[in-house]
N, C-alpha and C. Protein backbone atom coordinates (compact mmCIF):
# COMPACT_ATOMS: atom_id res chain seq x y z
N MET A 1 109.95 121.89 69.94
CA MET A 1 108.99 122.62 69.15
C MET A 1 109.00 122.14 67.70
N VAL A 2 110.20 121.96 67.16
CA VAL A 2 110.33 121.51 65.79
C VAL A 2 109.81 120.08 65.66
N ALA A 3 110.05 119.24 66.69
CA ALA A 3 109.61 117.85 66.65
C ALA A 3 108.08 117.78 66.63
N VAL A 4 107.41 118.63 67.40
CA VAL A 4 105.94 118.66 67.43
C VAL A 4 105.41 119.08 66.07
N SER A 5 106.02 120.08 65.47
CA SER A 5 105.61 120.55 64.15
C SER A 5 105.77 119.46 63.10
N MET A 6 106.87 118.72 63.18
CA MET A 6 107.11 117.63 62.23
C MET A 6 106.07 116.52 62.41
N ARG A 7 105.70 116.22 63.67
CA ARG A 7 104.69 115.21 63.93
C ARG A 7 103.35 115.65 63.35
N ARG A 8 103.02 116.90 63.54
CA ARG A 8 101.76 117.41 63.00
C ARG A 8 101.74 117.33 61.47
N GLN A 9 102.86 117.66 60.86
CA GLN A 9 102.95 117.60 59.40
C GLN A 9 102.79 116.15 58.92
N ARG A 10 103.44 115.19 59.61
CA ARG A 10 103.31 113.78 59.24
C ARG A 10 101.88 113.30 59.43
N LEU A 11 101.28 113.69 60.57
CA LEU A 11 99.90 113.31 60.84
C LEU A 11 98.98 113.89 59.78
N PHE A 12 99.19 115.15 59.43
CA PHE A 12 98.38 115.79 58.40
C PHE A 12 98.56 115.08 57.06
N ALA A 13 99.78 114.76 56.71
CA ALA A 13 100.06 114.06 55.44
C ALA A 13 99.41 112.68 55.44
N MET A 14 99.46 111.98 56.57
CA MET A 14 98.85 110.67 56.66
C MET A 14 97.33 110.78 56.51
N LEU A 15 96.72 111.75 57.20
CA LEU A 15 95.28 111.94 57.10
C LEU A 15 94.88 112.33 55.67
N LEU A 16 95.68 113.19 55.07
CA LEU A 16 95.41 113.59 53.69
C LEU A 16 95.50 112.38 52.76
N GLY A 17 96.48 111.52 52.98
CA GLY A 17 96.61 110.30 52.17
C GLY A 17 95.43 109.37 52.35
N LEU A 18 94.98 109.19 53.59
CA LEU A 18 93.82 108.35 53.86
C LEU A 18 92.56 108.92 53.21
N PHE A 19 92.41 110.24 53.29
CA PHE A 19 91.26 110.89 52.66
C PHE A 19 91.29 110.68 51.15
N GLY A 20 92.47 110.83 50.56
CA GLY A 20 92.61 110.61 49.12
C GLY A 20 92.28 109.18 48.74
N PHE A 21 92.74 108.22 49.56
CA PHE A 21 92.42 106.82 49.32
C PHE A 21 90.92 106.59 49.39
N TRP A 22 90.27 107.18 50.41
CA TRP A 22 88.82 107.02 50.58
C TRP A 22 88.07 107.61 49.39
N VAL A 23 88.50 108.78 48.92
CA VAL A 23 87.85 109.40 47.76
C VAL A 23 88.00 108.52 46.52
N CYS A 24 89.19 107.97 46.32
CA CYS A 24 89.42 107.09 45.17
C CYS A 24 88.57 105.83 45.26
N GLN A 25 88.50 105.23 46.46
CA GLN A 25 87.70 104.03 46.66
C GLN A 25 86.22 104.33 46.42
N SER A 26 85.75 105.47 46.93
CA SER A 26 84.35 105.84 46.74
C SER A 26 84.04 106.04 45.26
N ALA A 27 84.94 106.68 44.56
CA ALA A 27 84.75 106.88 43.12
C ALA A 27 84.74 105.55 42.39
N ALA A 28 85.62 104.64 42.79
CA ALA A 28 85.67 103.32 42.15
C ALA A 28 84.38 102.55 42.42
N LEU A 29 83.87 102.62 43.65
CA LEU A 29 82.61 101.94 43.97
C LEU A 29 81.45 102.53 43.18
N ALA A 30 81.41 103.85 43.07
CA ALA A 30 80.35 104.51 42.30
C ALA A 30 80.44 104.11 40.83
N GLU A 31 81.66 104.02 40.32
CA GLU A 31 81.85 103.60 38.92
C GLU A 31 81.41 102.16 38.73
N ASP A 32 81.74 101.29 39.70
CA ASP A 32 81.30 99.89 39.63
C ASP A 32 79.78 99.81 39.65
N ALA A 33 79.14 100.62 40.49
CA ALA A 33 77.68 100.63 40.57
C ALA A 33 77.08 101.08 39.24
N ASP A 34 77.69 102.09 38.61
CA ASP A 34 77.20 102.56 37.31
C ASP A 34 77.33 101.47 36.25
N VAL A 35 78.46 100.79 36.25
CA VAL A 35 78.68 99.70 35.29
C VAL A 35 77.66 98.60 35.53
N SER A 36 77.41 98.27 36.81
CA SER A 36 76.45 97.23 37.16
C SER A 36 75.04 97.63 36.72
N LEU A 37 74.66 98.89 36.93
CA LEU A 37 73.33 99.35 36.50
C LEU A 37 73.19 99.32 34.98
N ARG A 38 74.23 99.72 34.28
CA ARG A 38 74.17 99.68 32.81
C ARG A 38 74.03 98.24 32.33
N ALA A 39 74.76 97.32 32.96
CA ALA A 39 74.65 95.91 32.59
C ALA A 39 73.26 95.38 32.92
N GLY A 40 72.72 95.78 34.07
CA GLY A 40 71.38 95.38 34.46
C GLY A 40 70.32 95.91 33.51
N LYS A 41 70.50 97.14 33.07
CA LYS A 41 69.56 97.74 32.11
C LYS A 41 69.61 96.99 30.78
N ALA A 42 70.81 96.65 30.34
CA ALA A 42 70.95 95.90 29.09
C ALA A 42 70.28 94.53 29.20
N LEU A 43 70.47 93.86 30.32
CA LEU A 43 69.81 92.56 30.54
C LEU A 43 68.30 92.72 30.56
N TYR A 44 67.82 93.77 31.22
CA TYR A 44 66.38 94.04 31.28
C TYR A 44 65.82 94.24 29.88
N GLU A 45 66.48 95.08 29.10
CA GLU A 45 66.01 95.37 27.75
C GLU A 45 66.01 94.12 26.89
N GLN A 46 66.98 93.24 27.10
CA GLN A 46 67.09 92.01 26.32
C GLN A 46 66.08 90.96 26.77
N SER A 47 65.87 90.82 28.07
CA SER A 47 65.11 89.68 28.59
C SER A 47 63.74 90.02 29.17
N CYS A 48 63.50 91.26 29.53
CA CYS A 48 62.28 91.59 30.28
C CYS A 48 61.36 92.59 29.59
N ALA A 49 61.91 93.47 28.78
CA ALA A 49 61.14 94.58 28.23
C ALA A 49 60.01 94.14 27.31
N ARG A 50 60.14 93.01 26.63
CA ARG A 50 59.05 92.57 25.74
C ARG A 50 57.75 92.35 26.50
N CYS A 51 57.84 91.96 27.74
CA CYS A 51 56.63 91.75 28.55
C CYS A 51 56.36 92.94 29.48
N HIS A 52 57.38 93.37 30.21
CA HIS A 52 57.19 94.42 31.21
C HIS A 52 57.27 95.83 30.64
N GLY A 53 57.70 95.97 29.40
CA GLY A 53 57.82 97.29 28.79
C GLY A 53 59.16 97.93 29.08
N VAL A 54 59.57 98.83 28.21
CA VAL A 54 60.86 99.50 28.35
C VAL A 54 60.93 100.27 29.66
N ASP A 55 59.81 100.87 30.06
CA ASP A 55 59.77 101.66 31.29
C ASP A 55 59.32 100.86 32.51
N GLY A 56 59.00 99.57 32.34
CA GLY A 56 58.63 98.70 33.44
C GLY A 56 57.16 98.75 33.84
N LYS A 57 56.31 99.37 33.04
CA LYS A 57 54.90 99.53 33.41
C LYS A 57 54.02 98.33 33.09
N GLY A 58 54.63 97.24 32.63
CA GLY A 58 53.85 96.05 32.32
C GLY A 58 53.16 96.13 30.97
N ASN A 59 53.63 97.01 30.13
CA ASN A 59 52.98 97.27 28.84
C ASN A 59 53.89 96.95 27.65
N GLY A 60 54.66 95.89 27.75
CA GLY A 60 55.56 95.51 26.66
C GLY A 60 54.80 95.01 25.45
N LEU A 61 55.52 94.78 24.37
CA LEU A 61 54.91 94.34 23.12
C LEU A 61 54.11 93.05 23.27
N ASP A 62 54.57 92.14 24.12
CA ASP A 62 53.89 90.86 24.30
C ASP A 62 52.84 90.88 25.42
N ALA A 63 52.72 91.97 26.15
CA ALA A 63 51.86 92.02 27.34
C ALA A 63 50.40 91.73 27.02
N LYS A 64 49.91 92.22 25.90
CA LYS A 64 48.48 92.05 25.60
C LYS A 64 48.09 90.60 25.35
N ARG A 65 49.08 89.74 25.06
CA ARG A 65 48.80 88.32 24.80
C ARG A 65 48.96 87.45 26.05
N LEU A 66 49.33 88.05 27.16
CA LEU A 66 49.67 87.26 28.34
C LEU A 66 48.58 87.34 29.41
N PHE A 67 48.37 86.21 30.09
CA PHE A 67 47.49 86.17 31.24
C PHE A 67 48.14 85.30 32.29
N PRO A 68 48.31 85.81 33.46
CA PRO A 68 48.02 87.17 33.89
C PRO A 68 48.97 88.17 33.24
N LYS A 69 48.54 89.42 33.25
CA LYS A 69 49.34 90.49 32.65
C LYS A 69 50.66 90.64 33.42
N PRO A 70 51.71 91.07 32.73
CA PRO A 70 52.99 91.30 33.42
C PRO A 70 52.85 92.39 34.49
N ARG A 71 53.61 92.23 35.54
CA ARG A 71 53.58 93.17 36.66
C ARG A 71 54.08 94.54 36.24
N ASP A 72 53.45 95.58 36.78
CA ASP A 72 53.92 96.96 36.62
C ASP A 72 55.01 97.16 37.65
N LEU A 73 56.25 97.11 37.22
CA LEU A 73 57.39 97.17 38.12
C LEU A 73 57.60 98.55 38.72
N THR A 74 56.99 99.57 38.12
CA THR A 74 57.16 100.93 38.63
C THR A 74 56.43 101.14 39.95
N LEU A 75 55.47 100.27 40.26
CA LEU A 75 54.73 100.39 41.52
C LEU A 75 55.53 99.88 42.71
N GLY A 76 56.48 99.01 42.44
CA GLY A 76 57.29 98.45 43.53
C GLY A 76 56.53 97.46 44.39
N VAL A 77 55.42 96.93 43.88
CA VAL A 77 54.60 95.97 44.62
C VAL A 77 54.84 94.59 44.04
N TYR A 78 55.27 93.68 44.90
CA TYR A 78 55.58 92.32 44.48
C TYR A 78 54.84 91.33 45.35
N LYS A 79 54.32 90.31 44.73
CA LYS A 79 53.53 89.31 45.44
C LYS A 79 54.41 88.36 46.26
N PHE A 80 55.51 87.93 45.71
CA PHE A 80 56.36 86.94 46.36
C PHE A 80 57.55 87.63 47.01
N ARG A 81 57.51 87.70 48.34
CA ARG A 81 58.57 88.38 49.08
C ARG A 81 58.60 87.85 50.50
N SER A 82 59.67 88.13 51.19
CA SER A 82 59.82 87.70 52.58
C SER A 82 59.64 88.87 53.54
N THR A 83 59.10 89.96 53.04
CA THR A 83 58.92 91.17 53.83
C THR A 83 57.44 91.38 54.15
N GLU A 84 57.16 92.32 55.04
CA GLU A 84 55.78 92.61 55.42
C GLU A 84 55.01 93.18 54.24
N SER A 85 53.70 93.00 54.29
CA SER A 85 52.82 93.54 53.26
C SER A 85 52.99 95.05 53.19
N GLY A 86 53.05 95.57 51.98
CA GLY A 86 53.22 97.01 51.79
C GLY A 86 54.65 97.48 51.78
N THR A 87 55.60 96.57 51.95
CA THR A 87 57.01 96.94 51.91
C THR A 87 57.67 96.27 50.71
N PRO A 88 58.75 96.86 50.23
CA PRO A 88 59.40 96.26 49.05
C PRO A 88 60.09 94.95 49.40
N PRO A 89 60.29 94.10 48.40
CA PRO A 89 61.00 92.83 48.63
C PRO A 89 62.50 93.06 48.81
N THR A 90 63.16 92.06 49.34
CA THR A 90 64.62 92.12 49.46
C THR A 90 65.24 91.79 48.11
N ASP A 91 66.52 92.05 47.99
CA ASP A 91 67.25 91.68 46.77
C ASP A 91 67.16 90.17 46.54
N ALA A 92 67.25 89.40 47.63
CA ALA A 92 67.17 87.94 47.51
C ALA A 92 65.80 87.51 46.99
N ASP A 93 64.73 88.20 47.41
CA ASP A 93 63.38 87.90 46.92
C ASP A 93 63.30 88.12 45.41
N LEU A 94 63.81 89.26 44.96
CA LEU A 94 63.77 89.57 43.53
C LEU A 94 64.62 88.58 42.74
N SER A 95 65.79 88.26 43.25
CA SER A 95 66.67 87.32 42.58
C SER A 95 66.02 85.94 42.48
N ARG A 96 65.32 85.52 43.54
CA ARG A 96 64.65 84.23 43.54
C ARG A 96 63.56 84.19 42.46
N THR A 97 62.79 85.27 42.33
CA THR A 97 61.74 85.31 41.31
C THR A 97 62.34 85.28 39.91
N ILE A 98 63.43 86.02 39.72
CA ILE A 98 64.10 86.02 38.42
C ILE A 98 64.64 84.62 38.12
N SER A 99 65.23 83.98 39.11
CA SER A 99 65.83 82.66 38.92
C SER A 99 64.79 81.59 38.64
N ARG A 100 63.71 81.58 39.42
CA ARG A 100 62.73 80.50 39.35
C ARG A 100 61.53 80.79 38.46
N GLY A 101 61.30 82.07 38.15
CA GLY A 101 60.11 82.42 37.40
C GLY A 101 58.87 82.29 38.28
N LEU A 102 57.70 82.38 37.67
CA LEU A 102 56.45 82.25 38.41
C LEU A 102 55.56 81.22 37.73
N PRO A 103 55.49 80.02 38.27
CA PRO A 103 54.62 78.99 37.69
C PRO A 103 53.17 79.50 37.60
N GLY A 104 52.51 79.14 36.52
CA GLY A 104 51.13 79.59 36.32
C GLY A 104 51.04 80.96 35.68
N SER A 105 52.17 81.50 35.30
CA SER A 105 52.19 82.80 34.62
C SER A 105 53.17 82.71 33.45
N ALA A 106 53.31 83.79 32.73
CA ALA A 106 54.24 83.82 31.60
C ALA A 106 55.67 84.16 32.04
N MET A 107 55.88 84.38 33.35
CA MET A 107 57.20 84.73 33.86
C MET A 107 58.09 83.49 33.85
N PRO A 108 59.07 83.46 32.92
CA PRO A 108 59.93 82.27 32.81
C PRO A 108 61.06 82.29 33.84
N THR A 109 61.76 81.18 33.92
CA THR A 109 62.96 81.13 34.76
C THR A 109 64.11 81.76 33.99
N PHE A 110 65.04 82.31 34.72
CA PHE A 110 66.26 82.86 34.12
C PHE A 110 67.47 82.25 34.81
N GLU A 111 67.42 80.93 35.00
CA GLU A 111 68.51 80.22 35.66
C GLU A 111 69.80 80.28 34.85
N GLU A 112 69.67 80.53 33.55
CA GLU A 112 70.87 80.57 32.72
C GLU A 112 71.72 81.81 32.99
N LEU A 113 71.13 82.82 33.64
CA LEU A 113 71.90 84.00 34.01
C LEU A 113 72.78 83.67 35.21
N SER A 114 73.97 84.21 35.22
CA SER A 114 74.85 84.00 36.38
C SER A 114 74.30 84.77 37.57
N GLU A 115 74.79 84.44 38.74
CA GLU A 115 74.36 85.15 39.97
C GLU A 115 74.67 86.64 39.84
N ALA A 116 75.83 86.97 39.29
CA ALA A 116 76.21 88.38 39.11
C ALA A 116 75.23 89.08 38.17
N GLN A 117 74.84 88.42 37.09
CA GLN A 117 73.89 89.02 36.16
C GLN A 117 72.52 89.22 36.80
N ARG A 118 72.09 88.23 37.60
CA ARG A 118 70.79 88.38 38.27
C ARG A 118 70.83 89.56 39.24
N MET A 119 71.94 89.74 39.93
CA MET A 119 72.05 90.86 40.87
C MET A 119 72.12 92.20 40.13
N GLN A 120 72.72 92.22 38.94
CA GLN A 120 72.70 93.43 38.12
C GLN A 120 71.28 93.76 37.71
N LEU A 121 70.54 92.74 37.35
CA LEU A 121 69.14 92.92 36.96
C LEU A 121 68.32 93.40 38.16
N VAL A 122 68.55 92.85 39.33
CA VAL A 122 67.87 93.29 40.55
C VAL A 122 68.17 94.77 40.81
N ALA A 123 69.43 95.15 40.69
CA ALA A 123 69.81 96.55 40.92
C ALA A 123 69.07 97.47 39.96
N TYR A 124 68.96 97.05 38.70
CA TYR A 124 68.25 97.89 37.73
C TYR A 124 66.75 97.92 38.02
N LEU A 125 66.15 96.78 38.36
CA LEU A 125 64.72 96.75 38.66
C LEU A 125 64.37 97.73 39.78
N LYS A 126 65.25 97.85 40.75
CA LYS A 126 65.00 98.73 41.88
C LYS A 126 65.01 100.20 41.47
N THR A 127 65.62 100.52 40.35
CA THR A 127 65.61 101.92 39.88
C THR A 127 64.29 102.29 39.22
N LEU A 128 63.48 101.29 38.89
CA LEU A 128 62.21 101.56 38.20
C LEU A 128 61.12 102.07 39.13
N SER A 129 61.28 101.90 40.43
CA SER A 129 60.26 102.31 41.39
C SER A 129 60.89 103.11 42.53
N PRO A 130 60.26 104.23 42.90
CA PRO A 130 60.78 105.01 44.04
C PRO A 130 60.60 104.29 45.38
N THR A 131 59.79 103.25 45.39
CA THR A 131 59.55 102.50 46.64
C THR A 131 60.85 102.03 47.27
N PHE A 132 61.81 101.63 46.45
CA PHE A 132 63.06 101.07 46.97
C PHE A 132 63.94 102.13 47.63
N SER A 133 63.82 103.38 47.21
CA SER A 133 64.61 104.43 47.85
C SER A 133 63.90 105.00 49.07
N GLU A 134 62.59 104.77 49.17
CA GLU A 134 61.81 105.30 50.28
C GLU A 134 61.80 104.37 51.48
N GLN A 135 61.90 103.06 51.26
CA GLN A 135 61.81 102.09 52.34
C GLN A 135 62.93 101.08 52.25
N GLN A 136 63.43 100.67 53.39
CA GLN A 136 64.45 99.63 53.45
C GLN A 136 63.78 98.30 53.73
N PRO A 137 63.87 97.33 52.82
CA PRO A 137 63.19 96.04 53.05
C PRO A 137 63.77 95.30 54.25
N GLN A 138 62.88 94.78 55.08
CA GLN A 138 63.26 93.99 56.23
C GLN A 138 62.50 92.67 56.19
N PRO A 139 63.19 91.54 56.08
CA PRO A 139 62.48 90.26 56.08
C PRO A 139 61.72 90.03 57.38
N VAL A 140 60.59 89.38 57.27
CA VAL A 140 59.80 89.02 58.44
C VAL A 140 60.50 87.87 59.15
N ALA A 141 60.58 87.96 60.47
CA ALA A 141 61.21 86.90 61.25
C ALA A 141 60.17 85.82 61.55
N PHE A 142 60.53 84.59 61.30
CA PHE A 142 59.67 83.45 61.57
C PHE A 142 60.25 82.63 62.71
N ALA A 143 59.37 82.11 63.55
CA ALA A 143 59.82 81.21 64.60
C ALA A 143 60.28 79.91 63.96
N SER A 144 61.20 79.25 64.61
CA SER A 144 61.69 77.98 64.06
C SER A 144 60.60 76.91 64.22
N ASP A 145 60.61 75.96 63.34
CA ASP A 145 59.66 74.86 63.36
C ASP A 145 59.96 73.97 64.57
N PRO A 146 58.96 73.75 65.43
CA PRO A 146 59.24 72.94 66.61
C PRO A 146 59.46 71.47 66.29
N GLY A 147 59.07 71.05 65.10
CA GLY A 147 59.27 69.67 64.70
C GLY A 147 58.17 68.76 65.23
N PHE A 148 58.16 67.56 64.73
CA PHE A 148 57.12 66.58 65.07
C PHE A 148 57.14 66.21 66.55
N ALA A 149 58.31 66.17 67.16
CA ALA A 149 58.44 65.74 68.55
C ALA A 149 57.66 66.65 69.50
N HIS A 150 57.45 67.90 69.12
CA HIS A 150 56.76 68.86 69.98
C HIS A 150 55.30 69.08 69.56
N ALA A 151 54.84 68.33 68.62
CA ALA A 151 53.47 68.49 68.13
C ALA A 151 52.48 67.95 69.16
N ASP A 152 51.34 68.62 69.27
CA ASP A 152 50.27 68.16 70.16
C ASP A 152 49.29 67.37 69.30
N LEU A 153 49.49 66.05 69.24
CA LEU A 153 48.70 65.20 68.36
C LEU A 153 47.22 65.20 68.74
N ALA A 154 46.93 65.22 70.02
CA ALA A 154 45.52 65.21 70.46
C ALA A 154 44.82 66.49 70.00
N LYS A 155 45.49 67.62 70.14
CA LYS A 155 44.91 68.90 69.72
C LYS A 155 44.72 68.91 68.20
N GLY A 156 45.67 68.41 67.47
CA GLY A 156 45.56 68.34 66.01
C GLY A 156 44.41 67.44 65.58
N LYS A 157 44.26 66.32 66.24
CA LYS A 157 43.18 65.40 65.94
C LYS A 157 41.83 66.06 66.18
N GLN A 158 41.70 66.79 67.28
CA GLN A 158 40.45 67.48 67.60
C GLN A 158 40.15 68.58 66.59
N LEU A 159 41.16 69.32 66.19
CA LEU A 159 40.98 70.38 65.17
C LEU A 159 40.50 69.78 63.86
N TYR A 160 41.06 68.64 63.49
CA TYR A 160 40.66 67.96 62.26
C TYR A 160 39.20 67.52 62.34
N LYS A 161 38.79 67.00 63.48
CA LYS A 161 37.40 66.56 63.66
C LYS A 161 36.44 67.74 63.61
N ASP A 162 36.86 68.87 64.18
CA ASP A 162 36.00 70.06 64.24
C ASP A 162 35.76 70.68 62.86
N LEU A 163 36.64 70.43 61.93
CA LEU A 163 36.48 71.00 60.60
C LEU A 163 35.46 70.19 59.86
């Protein structure tokens, strides 16, 4: 009887210790996320707000001089993404746009930012629109390229002639 009670006490102590560890880890992750969002906000204010505005509505101080106008980030609508139309882009999509910029627009490249900084900026951008909390982005699946060896040259030639 005493041995069973001791086992229960040890099991309870072990479970309590695991729960305490989980709570500490969760708090640390939440703190890391807060630090990341603050860093992302600072980067946004430094690098993006002049065009996109402090609140992300595309109404920054420089917006009136730009064509095309800066995107209203609060809408959560992005042109360049790997997801279906009407759904938000993935983090990788946003990071790619930040890294490469948008040729033909005033959106510059931000390759000088580290990968960690770009991801902090992505995390902050997602807070500007409720779209990201309402929908989980899912990339569209594409079939693999069959390559030249599987091409139907006769069909391609006929299509070319028909145009």
